[in-house]
PDB file of all heavy atoms in Angstrom:
ATOM      1  N   VAL A   1      -3.610  18.743  17.410  1.00  0.00           N
ATOM      2  CA  VAL A   1      -4.334  19.985  17.541  1.00  0.00           C
ATOM      3  C   VAL A   1      -5.392  19.828  18.798  1.00  0.00           C
ATOM      4  O   VAL A   1      -6.064  18.932  18.868  1.00  0.00           O
ATOM      5  CB  VAL A   1      -5.206  20.229  16.298  1.00  0.00           C
ATOM      6  CG1 VAL A   1      -5.979  21.515  16.387  1.00  0.00           C
ATOM      7  CG2 VAL A   1      -4.371  20.230  15.057  1.00  0.00           C
ATOM      8  N   GLU A   2      -5.173  20.733  19.762  1.00  0.00           N
ATOM      9  CA  GLU A   2      -6.065  20.759  20.897  1.00  0.00           C
ATOM     10  C   GLU A   2      -6.909  21.944  21.034  1.00  0.00           C
ATOM     11  O   GLU A   2      -6.523  23.035  20.813  1.00  0.00           O
ATOM     12  CB  GLU A   2      -5.129  20.599  22.097  1.00  0.00           C
ATOM     13  CG  GLU A   2      -5.958  20.642  23.496  1.00  0.00           C
ATOM     14  CD  GLU A   2      -5.245  21.048  24.693  1.00  0.00           C
ATOM     15  OE1 GLU A   2      -4.207  20.437  25.111  1.00  0.00           O
ATOM     16  OE2 GLU A   2      -5.776  21.946  25.380  1.00  0.00           O
ATOM     17  N   PHE A   3      -8.174  21.585  21.338  1.00  0.00           N
ATOM     18  CA  PHE A   3      -9.284  22.539  21.603  1.00  0.00           C
ATOM     19  C   PHE A   3      -9.558  22.676  23.049  1.00  0.00           C
ATOM     20  O   PHE A   3      -9.589  21.439  23.676  1.00  0.00           O
ATOM     21  CB  PHE A   3     -10.400  22.343  20.653  1.00  0.00           C
ATOM     22  CG  PHE A   3     -10.217  22.666  19.336  1.00  0.00           C
ATOM     23  CD1 PHE A   3      -9.672  21.579  18.300  1.00  0.00           C
ATOM     24  CD2 PHE A   3     -10.570  23.886  18.794  1.00  0.00           C
ATOM     25  CE1 PHE A   3      -9.480  22.014  17.115  1.00  0.00           C
ATOM     26  CE2 PHE A   3     -10.429  24.181  17.350  1.00  0.00           C
ATOM     27  CZ  PHE A   3      -9.893  23.204  16.572  1.00  0.00           C
ATOM     28  N   VAL A   4     -10.055  23.750  23.661  1.00  0.00           N
ATOM     29  CA  VAL A   4     -10.500  23.675  25.026  1.00  0.00           C
ATOM     30  C   VAL A   4     -11.929  23.040  25.057  1.00  0.00           C
ATOM     31  O   VAL A   4     -12.368  22.614  26.233  1.00  0.00           O
ATOM     32  CB  VAL A   4     -10.530  25.064  25.756  1.00  0.00           C
ATOM     33  CG1 VAL A   4      -9.040  25.617  25.688  1.00  0.00           C
ATOM     34  CG2 VAL A   4     -11.313  26.115  24.857  1.00  0.00           C
ATOM     35  N   SER A   5     -12.697  23.041  24.003  1.00  0.00           N
ATOM     36  CA  SER A   5     -14.118  22.737  23.981  1.00  0.00           C
ATOM     37  C   SER A   5     -14.153  21.413  23.189  1.00  0.00           C
ATOM     38  O   SER A   5     -13.722  21.290  22.072  1.00  0.00           O
ATOM     39  CB  SER A   5     -14.926  23.808  23.314  1.00  0.00           C
ATOM     40  OG  SER A   5     -16.160  23.303  22.815  1.00  0.00           O
ATOM     41  N   LYS A   6     -14.950  20.441  23.779  1.00  0.00           N
ATOM     42  CA  LYS A   6     -15.152  19.155  23.042  1.00  0.00           C
ATOM     43  C   LYS A   6     -16.042  19.484  21.847  1.00  0.00           C
ATOM     44  O   LYS A   6     -15.705  18.814  20.832  1.00  0.00           O
ATOM     45  CB  LYS A   6     -15.993  18.255  23.939  1.00  0.00           C
ATOM     46  CG  LYS A   6     -15.203  17.492  25.073  1.00  0.00           C
ATOM     47  CD  LYS A   6     -16.150  16.378  25.607  1.00  0.00           C
ATOM     48  CE  LYS A   6     -15.696  15.973  26.997  1.00  0.00           C
ATOM     49  NZ  LYS A   6     -16.224  16.686  28.148  1.00  0.00           N
ATOM     50  N   LYS A   7     -16.972  20.264  21.923  1.00  0.00           N
ATOM     51  CA  LYS A   7     -17.928  20.447  20.766  1.00  0.00           C
ATOM     52  C   LYS A   7     -16.966  21.114  19.625  1.00  0.00           C
ATOM     53  O   LYS A   7     -17.088  20.592  18.495  1.00  0.00           O
ATOM     54  CB  LYS A   7     -18.950  21.546  21.122  1.00  0.00           C
ATOM     55  CG  LYS A   7     -19.939  21.844  19.956  1.00  0.00           C
ATOM     56  CD  LYS A   7     -21.106  22.768  20.380  1.00  0.00           C
ATOM     57  CE  LYS A   7     -21.936  23.105  19.322  1.00  0.00           C
ATOM     58  NZ  LYS A   7     -23.138  23.951  19.831  1.00  0.00           N
ATOM     59  N   GLU A   8     -16.117  22.089  19.888  1.00  0.00           N
ATOM     60  CA  GLU A   8     -15.276  22.653  18.823  1.00  0.00           C
ATOM     61  C   GLU A   8     -14.237  21.574  18.305  1.00  0.00           C
ATOM     62  O   GLU A   8     -13.953  21.463  17.143  1.00  0.00           O
ATOM     63  CB  GLU A   8     -14.523  23.849  19.322  1.00  0.00           C
ATOM     64  CG  GLU A   8     -14.235  24.886  18.367  1.00  0.00           C
ATOM     65  CD  GLU A   8     -15.589  25.635  17.781  1.00  0.00           C
ATOM     66  OE1 GLU A   8     -16.785  25.335  18.471  1.00  0.00           O
ATOM     67  OE2 GLU A   8     -15.564  26.193  16.723  1.00  0.00           O
ATOM     68  N   ALA A   9     -13.762  20.763  19.066  1.00  0.00           N
ATOM     69  CA  ALA A   9     -12.799  19.692  18.679  1.00  0.00           C
ATOM     70  C   ALA A   9     -13.480  18.652  17.749  1.00  0.00           C
ATOM     71  O   ALA A   9     -13.058  18.326  16.712  1.00  0.00           O
ATOM     72  CB  ALA A   9     -12.343  18.747  19.836  1.00  0.00           C
ATOM     73  N   ASN A  10     -14.829  18.399  18.062  1.00  0.00           N
ATOM     74  CA  ASN A  10     -15.590  17.416  17.153  1.00  0.00           C
ATOM     75  C   ASN A  10     -15.924  18.112  15.890  1.00  0.00           C
ATOM     76  O   ASN A  10     -15.844  17.506  14.894  1.00  0.00           O
ATOM     77  CB  ASN A  10     -16.923  17.064  17.964  1.00  0.00           C
ATOM     78  CG  ASN A  10     -16.616  16.121  19.199  1.00  0.00           C
ATOM     79  OD1 ASN A  10     -15.578  15.659  19.285  1.00  0.00           O
ATOM     80  ND2 ASN A  10     -17.665  15.990  19.895  1.00  0.00           N
ATOM     81  N   ARG A  11     -16.268  19.400  15.774  1.00  0.00           N
ATOM     82  CA  ARG A  11     -16.493  20.104  14.624  1.00  0.00           C
ATOM     83  C   ARG A  11     -15.299  20.139  13.771  1.00  0.00           C
ATOM     84  O   ARG A  11     -15.359  19.919  12.615  1.00  0.00           O
ATOM     85  CB  ARG A  11     -16.962  21.613  14.886  1.00  0.00           C
ATOM     86  CG  ARG A  11     -18.387  21.780  15.540  1.00  0.00           C
ATOM     87  CD  ARG A  11     -18.672  23.242  15.635  1.00  0.00           C
ATOM     88  NE  ARG A  11     -18.610  23.870  14.374  1.00  0.00           N
ATOM     89  CZ  ARG A  11     -18.229  25.177  14.266  1.00  0.00           C
ATOM     90  NH1 ARG A  11     -17.734  25.824  15.273  1.00  0.00           N
ATOM     91  NH2 ARG A  11     -18.293  25.778  13.246  1.00  0.00           N
ATOM     92  N   PHE A  12     -14.221  20.446  14.384  1.00  0.00           N
ATOM     93  CA  PHE A  12     -12.980  20.321  13.544  1.00  0.00           C
ATOM     94  C   PHE A  12     -12.550  19.113  13.014  1.00  0.00           C
ATOM     95  O   PHE A  12     -12.127  18.997  11.773  1.00  0.00           O
ATOM     96  CB  PHE A  12     -11.801  21.087  14.443  1.00  0.00           C
ATOM     97  CG  PHE A  12     -10.471  20.978  13.699  1.00  0.00           C
ATOM     98  CD1 PHE A  12     -10.140  22.042  12.898  1.00  0.00           C
ATOM     99  CD2 PHE A  12      -9.540  20.024  13.871  1.00  0.00           C
ATOM    100  CE1 PHE A  12      -8.917  22.037  12.103  1.00  0.00           C
ATOM    101  CE2 PHE A  12      -8.327  19.968  13.415  1.00  0.00           C
ATOM    102  CZ  PHE A  12      -7.981  20.964  12.389  1.00  0.00           C
ATOM    103  N   TYR A  13     -12.740  18.089  13.822  1.00  0.00           N
ATOM    104  CA  TYR A  13     -12.550  16.557  13.365  1.00  0.00           C
ATOM    105  C   TYR A  13     -13.428  16.384  12.104  1.00  0.00           C
ATOM    106  O   TYR A  13     -12.791  15.749  11.130  1.00  0.00           O
ATOM    107  CB  TYR A  13     -12.873  15.708  14.533  1.00  0.00           C
ATOM    108  CG  TYR A  13     -12.671  14.380  14.217  1.00  0.00           C
ATOM    109  CD1 TYR A  13     -11.340  13.809  14.073  1.00  0.00           C
ATOM    110  CD2 TYR A  13     -13.776  13.352  14.384  1.00  0.00           C
ATOM    111  CE1 TYR A  13     -11.219  12.382  13.819  1.00  0.00           C
ATOM    112  CE2 TYR A  13     -13.555  12.005  14.098  1.00  0.00           C
ATOM    113  CZ  TYR A  13     -12.256  11.620  13.846  1.00  0.00           C
ATOM    114  OH  TYR A  13     -12.153  10.171  13.573  1.00  0.00           O
ATOM    115  N   LYS A  14     -14.638  16.732  12.134  1.00  0.00           N
ATOM    116  CA  LYS A  14     -15.570  16.495  10.999  1.00  0.00           C
ATOM    117  C   LYS A  14     -15.034  17.279   9.794  1.00  0.00           C
ATOM    118  O   LYS A  14     -15.045  16.742   8.632  1.00  0.00           O
ATOM    119  CB  LYS A  14     -16.910  16.832  11.398  1.00  0.00           C
ATOM    120  CG  LYS A  14     -17.558  15.923  12.431  1.00  0.00           C
ATOM    121  CD  LYS A  14     -19.097  16.389  12.749  1.00  0.00           C
ATOM    122  CE  LYS A  14     -19.507  15.431  13.793  1.00  0.00           C
ATOM    123  NZ  LYS A  14     -21.016  15.869  14.118  1.00  0.00           N
ATOM    124  N   VAL A  15     -14.640  18.541   9.901  1.00  0.00           N
ATOM    125  CA  VAL A  15     -14.204  19.340   8.897  1.00  0.00           C
ATOM    126  C   VAL A  15     -12.955  18.858   8.338  1.00  0.00           C
ATOM    127  O   VAL A  15     -12.834  18.839   7.074  1.00  0.00           O
ATOM    128  CB  VAL A  15     -14.100  20.921   9.381  1.00  0.00           C
ATOM    129  CG1 VAL A  15     -13.271  21.715   8.313  1.00  0.00           C
ATOM    130  CG2 VAL A  15     -15.473  21.601   9.588  1.00  0.00           C
ATOM    131  N   ILE A  16     -12.001  18.527   9.109  1.00  0.00           N
ATOM    132  CA  ILE A  16     -10.724  18.151   8.532  1.00  0.00           C
ATOM    133  C   ILE A  16     -10.768  16.769   7.768  1.00  0.00           C
ATOM    134  O   ILE A  16     -10.052  16.518   6.889  1.00  0.00           O
ATOM    135  CB  ILE A  16      -9.678  18.043   9.678  1.00  0.00           C
ATOM    136  CG1 ILE A  16      -8.334  18.433   9.187  1.00  0.00           C
ATOM    137  CG2 ILE A  16      -9.645  16.876  10.420  1.00  0.00           C
ATOM    138  CD1 ILE A  16      -7.972  19.841   8.767  1.00  0.00           C
ATOM    139  N   ARG A  17     -11.763  15.983   8.243  1.00  0.00           N
ATOM    140  CA  ARG A  17     -11.892  14.664   7.677  1.00  0.00           C
ATOM    141  C   ARG A  17     -12.505  14.725   6.300  1.00  0.00           C
ATOM    142  O   ARG A  17     -12.237  13.976   5.433  1.00  0.00           O
ATOM    143  CB  ARG A  17     -12.584  13.636   8.509  1.00  0.00           C
ATOM    144  CG  ARG A  17     -11.903  13.306   9.807  1.00  0.00           C
ATOM    145  CD  ARG A  17     -12.668  12.213  10.558  1.00  0.00           C
ATOM    146  NE  ARG A  17     -12.849  10.963   9.853  1.00  0.00           N
ATOM    147  CZ  ARG A  17     -13.397   9.957  10.333  1.00  0.00           C
ATOM    148  NH1 ARG A  17     -14.093  10.053  11.481  1.00  0.00           N
ATOM    149  NH2 ARG A  17     -13.680   8.773   9.688  1.00  0.00           N
ATOM    150  N   ARG A  18     -13.369  15.801   6.241  1.00  0.00           N
ATOM    151  CA  ARG A  18     -14.048  15.873   4.705  1.00  0.00           C
ATOM    152  C   ARG A  18     -13.263  16.678   3.831  1.00  0.00           C
ATOM    153  O   ARG A  18     -13.575  16.709   2.634  1.00  0.00           O
ATOM    154  CB  ARG A  18     -15.404  16.391   4.980  1.00  0.00           C
ATOM    155  CG  ARG A  18     -15.452  17.949   5.243  1.00  0.00           C
ATOM    156  CD  ARG A  18     -16.889  18.511   5.085  1.00  0.00           C
ATOM    157  NE  ARG A  18     -16.805  19.936   5.120  1.00  0.00           N
ATOM    158  CZ  ARG A  18     -17.319  20.619   6.160  1.00  0.00           C
ATOM    159  NH1 ARG A  18     -17.929  19.993   7.236  1.00  0.00           N
ATOM    160  NH2 ARG A  18     -17.262  21.972   6.314  1.00  0.00           N
ATOM    161  N   ASP A  19     -12.224  17.475   4.260  1.00  0.00           N
ATOM    162  CA  ASP A  19     -11.420  18.453   3.437  1.00  0.00           C
ATOM    163  C   ASP A  19     -10.524  17.490   2.717  1.00  0.00           C
ATOM    164  O   ASP A  19      -9.748  16.529   3.192  1.00  0.00           O
ATOM    165  CB  ASP A  19     -10.622  19.236   4.317  1.00  0.00           C
ATOM    166  CG  ASP A  19     -10.131  20.406   3.573  1.00  0.00           C
ATOM    167  OD1 ASP A  19      -9.528  20.239   2.541  1.00  0.00           O
ATOM    168  OD2 ASP A  19     -10.356  21.533   4.090  1.00  0.00           O
ATOM    169  N   ARG A  20     -10.503  17.842   1.307  1.00  0.00           N
ATOM    170  CA  ARG A  20      -9.689  16.992   0.388  1.00  0.00           C
ATOM    171  C   ARG A  20      -8.126  17.087   0.742  1.00  0.00           C
ATOM    172  O   ARG A  20      -7.382  16.257   0.496  1.00  0.00           O
ATOM    173  CB  ARG A  20      -9.812  17.506  -1.043  1.00  0.00           C
ATOM    174  CG  ARG A  20     -11.224  17.033  -1.476  1.00  0.00           C
ATOM    175  CD  ARG A  20     -11.229  17.207  -3.107  1.00  0.00           C
ATOM    176  NE  ARG A  20     -11.058  18.708  -3.422  1.00  0.00           N
ATOM    177  CZ  ARG A  20      -9.889  19.140  -4.022  1.00  0.00           C
ATOM    178  NH1 ARG A  20      -8.893  18.367  -4.329  1.00  0.00           N
ATOM    179  NH2 ARG A  20      -9.947  20.443  -4.355  1.00  0.00           N
ATOM    180  N   GLN A  21      -7.895  18.340   1.314  1.00  0.00           N
ATOM    181  CA  GLN A  21      -6.381  18.613   1.589  1.00  0.00           C
ATOM    182  C   GLN A  21      -5.979  17.745   2.776  1.00  0.00           C
ATOM    183  O   GLN A  21      -4.758  17.494   3.019  1.00  0.00           O
ATOM    184  CB  GLN A  21      -6.125  20.045   1.947  1.00  0.00           C
ATOM    185  CG  GLN A  21      -6.292  20.876   0.846  1.00  0.00           C
ATOM    186  CD  GLN A  21      -5.794  22.429   1.265  1.00  0.00           C
ATOM    187  OE1 GLN A  21      -4.702  22.728   1.476  1.00  0.00           O
ATOM    188  NE2 GLN A  21      -6.865  23.298   1.388  1.00  0.00           N
ATOM    189  N   SER A  22      -6.886  17.237   3.500  1.00  0.00           N
ATOM    190  CA  SER A  22      -6.497  16.303   4.611  1.00  0.00           C
ATOM    191  C   SER A  22      -6.026  14.955   4.241  1.00  0.00           C
ATOM    192  O   SER A  22      -5.578  14.127   5.017  1.00  0.00           O
ATOM    193  CB  SER A  22      -7.753  16.138   5.542  1.00  0.00           C
ATOM    194  OG  SER A  22      -8.704  15.382   4.878  1.00  0.00           O
ATOM    195  N   ASP A  23      -6.057  14.797   2.803  1.00  0.00           N
ATOM    196  CA  ASP A  23      -5.369  13.491   2.353  1.00  0.00           C
ATOM    197  C   ASP A  23      -3.834  13.486   2.607  1.00  0.00           C
ATOM    198  O   ASP A  23      -3.207  12.507   2.340  1.00  0.00           O
ATOM    199  CB  ASP A  23      -5.544  13.386   0.932  1.00  0.00           C
ATOM    200  CG  ASP A  23      -7.104  13.252   0.420  1.00  0.00           C
ATOM    201  OD1 ASP A  23      -7.873  12.755   1.295  1.00  0.00           O
ATOM    202  OD2 ASP A  23      -7.379  13.489  -0.663  1.00  0.00           O
ATOM    203  N   ILE A  24      -3.331  14.631   3.062  1.00  0.00           N
ATOM    204  CA  ILE A  24      -1.889  14.555   3.453  1.00  0.00           C
ATOM    205  C   ILE A  24      -1.697  13.704   4.568  1.00  0.00           C
ATOM    206  O   ILE A  24      -0.551  13.193   4.815  1.00  0.00           O
ATOM    207  CB  ILE A  24      -1.318  15.947   3.741  1.00  0.00           C
ATOM    208  CG1 ILE A  24      -2.112  16.544   4.910  1.00  0.00           C
ATOM    209  CG2 ILE A  24      -1.506  16.931   2.474  1.00  0.00           C
ATOM    210  CD1 ILE A  24      -1.417  17.949   5.299  1.00  0.00           C
ATOM    211  N   PHE A  25      -2.646  13.282   5.308  1.00  0.00           N
ATOM    212  CA  PHE A  25      -2.545  12.455   6.492  1.00  0.00           C
ATOM    213  C   PHE A  25      -3.021  11.037   6.271  1.00  0.00           C
ATOM    214  O   PHE A  25      -4.112  10.859   5.616  1.00  0.00           O
ATOM    215  CB  PHE A  25      -3.462  13.074   7.842  1.00  0.00           C
ATOM    216  CG  PHE A  25      -3.095  14.393   8.202  1.00  0.00           C
ATOM    217  CD1 PHE A  25      -3.826  15.442   7.925  1.00  0.00           C
ATOM    218  CD2 PHE A  25      -1.811  14.567   8.931  1.00  0.00           C
ATOM    219  CE1 PHE A  25      -3.519  16.766   8.421  1.00  0.00           C
ATOM    220  CE2 PHE A  25      -1.542  15.826   9.455  1.00  0.00           C
ATOM    221  CZ  PHE A  25      -2.288  16.872   9.125  1.00  0.00           C
ATOM    222  N   ASP A  26      -2.202  10.181   6.697  1.00  0.00           N
ATOM    223  CA  ASP A  26      -2.425   8.751   6.477  1.00  0.00           C
ATOM    224  C   ASP A  26      -3.646   8.315   7.501  1.00  0.00           C
ATOM    225  O   ASP A  26      -4.452   7.408   7.273  1.00  0.00           O
ATOM    226  CB  ASP A  26      -1.284   7.845   6.783  1.00  0.00           C
ATOM    227  CG  ASP A  26      -0.236   8.016   5.694  1.00  0.00           C
ATOM    228  OD1 ASP A  26      -0.542   8.012   4.585  1.00  0.00           O
ATOM    229  OD2 ASP A  26       0.899   8.406   6.117  1.00  0.00           O
ATOM    230  N   ASN A  27      -3.554   8.975   8.825  1.00  0.00           N
ATOM    231  CA  ASN A  27      -4.553   8.703   9.753  1.00  0.00           C
ATOM    232  C   ASN A  27      -5.030   9.900  10.441  1.00  0.00           C
ATOM    233  O   ASN A  27      -4.164  10.854  10.745  1.00  0.00           O
ATOM    234  CB  ASN A  27      -4.123   7.614  10.655  1.00  0.00           C
ATOM    235  CG  ASN A  27      -4.202   6.300  10.189  1.00  0.00           C
ATOM    236  OD1 ASN A  27      -5.204   5.717   9.885  1.00  0.00           O
ATOM    237  ND2 ASN A  27      -2.965   5.655  10.106  1.00  0.00           N
ATOM    238  N   ILE A  28      -6.263  10.124  10.729  1.00  0.00           N
ATOM    239  CA  ILE A  28      -6.755  11.280  11.592  1.00  0.00           C
ATOM    240  C   ILE A  28      -7.516  10.570  12.835  1.00  0.00           C
ATOM    241  O   ILE A  28      -8.434   9.827  12.623  1.00  0.00           O
ATOM    242  CB  ILE A  28      -7.583  12.194  10.754  1.00  0.00           C
ATOM    243  CG1 ILE A  28      -6.923  12.678   9.593  1.00  0.00           C
ATOM    244  CG2 ILE A  28      -8.162  13.421  11.705  1.00  0.00           C
ATOM    245  CD1 ILE A  28      -7.750  13.510   8.714  1.00  0.00           C
ATOM    246  N   PHE A  29      -7.078  11.079  14.076  1.00  0.00           N
ATOM    247  CA  PHE A  29      -7.666  10.417  15.184  1.00  0.00           C
ATOM    248  C   PHE A  29      -8.405  11.519  16.084  1.00  0.00           C
ATOM    249  O   PHE A  29      -7.903  12.652  16.016  1.00  0.00           O
ATOM    250  CB  PHE A  29      -6.678   9.679  16.074  1.00  0.00           C
ATOM    251  CG  PHE A  29      -6.088   8.574  15.304  1.00  0.00           C
ATOM    252  CD1 PHE A  29      -4.641   8.569  15.145  1.00  0.00           C
ATOM    253  CD2 PHE A  29      -6.786   7.510  14.936  1.00  0.00           C
ATOM    254  CE1 PHE A  29      -4.043   7.456  14.543  1.00  0.00           C
ATOM    255  CE2 PHE A  29      -6.127   6.353  14.216  1.00  0.00           C
ATOM    256  CZ  PHE A  29      -4.798   6.411  14.093  1.00  0.00           C
ATOM    257  N   LEU A  30      -9.313  11.074  16.890  1.00  0.00           N
ATOM    258  CA  LEU A  30      -9.966  12.040  17.868  1.00  0.00           C
ATOM    259  C   LEU A  30      -9.751  11.483  19.267  1.00  0.00           C
ATOM    260  O   LEU A  30      -9.906  10.272  19.522  1.00  0.00           O
ATOM    261  CB  LEU A  30     -11.482  12.081  17.515  1.00  0.00           C
ATOM    262  CG  LEU A  30     -12.296  12.944  18.636  1.00  0.00           C
ATOM    263  CD1 LEU A  30     -11.881  14.403  18.358  1.00  0.00           C
ATOM    264  CD2 LEU A  30     -13.739  12.732  18.314  1.00  0.00           C
ATOM    265  N   LEU A  31      -9.415  12.367  20.114  1.00  0.00           N
ATOM    266  CA  LEU A  31      -9.112  11.981  21.611  1.00  0.00           C
ATOM    267  C   LEU A  31      -9.662  12.921  22.476  1.00  0.00           C
ATOM    268  O   LEU A  31      -9.285  14.020  22.614  1.00  0.00           O
ATOM    269  CB  LEU A  31      -7.635  11.840  21.833  1.00  0.00           C
ATOM    270  CG  LEU A  31      -7.185  11.163  23.170  1.00  0.00           C
ATOM    271  CD1 LEU A  31      -7.848   9.960  23.377  1.00  0.00           C
ATOM    272  CD2 LEU A  31      -5.714  11.221  23.287  1.00  0.00           C
ATOM    273  N   ASN A  32     -10.916  12.546  23.102  1.00  0.00           N
ATOM    274  CA  ASN A  32     -11.576  13.459  23.913  1.00  0.00           C
ATOM    275  C   ASN A  32     -12.026  12.685  25.141  1.00  0.00           C
ATOM    276  O   ASN A  32     -11.878  11.470  25.295  1.00  0.00           O
ATOM    277  CB  ASN A  32     -12.638  14.292  23.351  1.00  0.00           C
ATOM    278  CG  ASN A  32     -13.699  13.375  22.778  1.00  0.00           C
ATOM    279  OD1 ASN A  32     -14.001  12.192  23.328  1.00  0.00           O
ATOM    280  ND2 ASN A  32     -14.358  13.798  21.742  1.00  0.00           N
ATOM    281  N   GLY A  33     -12.741  13.406  26.096  1.00  0.00           N
ATOM    282  CA  GLY A  33     -13.319  12.749  27.277  1.00  0.00           C
ATOM    283  C   GLY A  33     -14.345  11.667  27.088  1.00  0.00           C
ATOM    284  O   GLY A  33     -14.600  10.826  28.035  1.00  0.00           O
ATOM    285  N   TYR A  34     -14.837  11.504  25.834  1.00  0.00           N
ATOM    286  CA  TYR A  34     -15.809  10.405  25.566  1.00  0.00           C
ATOM    287  C   TYR A  34     -15.195   9.162  24.904  1.00  0.00           C
ATOM    288  O   TYR A  34     -15.811   8.195  24.819  1.00  0.00           O
ATOM    289  CB  TYR A  34     -16.900  11.042  24.596  1.00  0.00           C
ATOM    290  CG  TYR A  34     -17.706  12.160  25.059  1.00  0.00           C
ATOM    291  CD1 TYR A  34     -18.052  13.136  24.075  1.00  0.00           C
ATOM    292  CD2 TYR A  34     -17.997  12.322  26.344  1.00  0.00           C
ATOM    293  CE1 TYR A  34     -18.714  14.262  24.668  1.00  0.00           C
ATOM    294  CE2 TYR A  34     -18.615  13.347  26.817  1.00  0.00           C
ATOM    295  CZ  TYR A  34     -19.138  14.340  25.981  1.00  0.00           C
ATOM    296  OH  TYR A  34     -19.808  15.498  26.346  1.00  0.00           O
TER     297      TYR A  34
END
């Protein structure tokens, strides 16, 4: 999943990690300019 904004990518990363449905993933990673 790619966002044009770092801030929006970070927000989504936090949301998806706390969402119970995200248990479908074994690993969730963030990749940005930082």
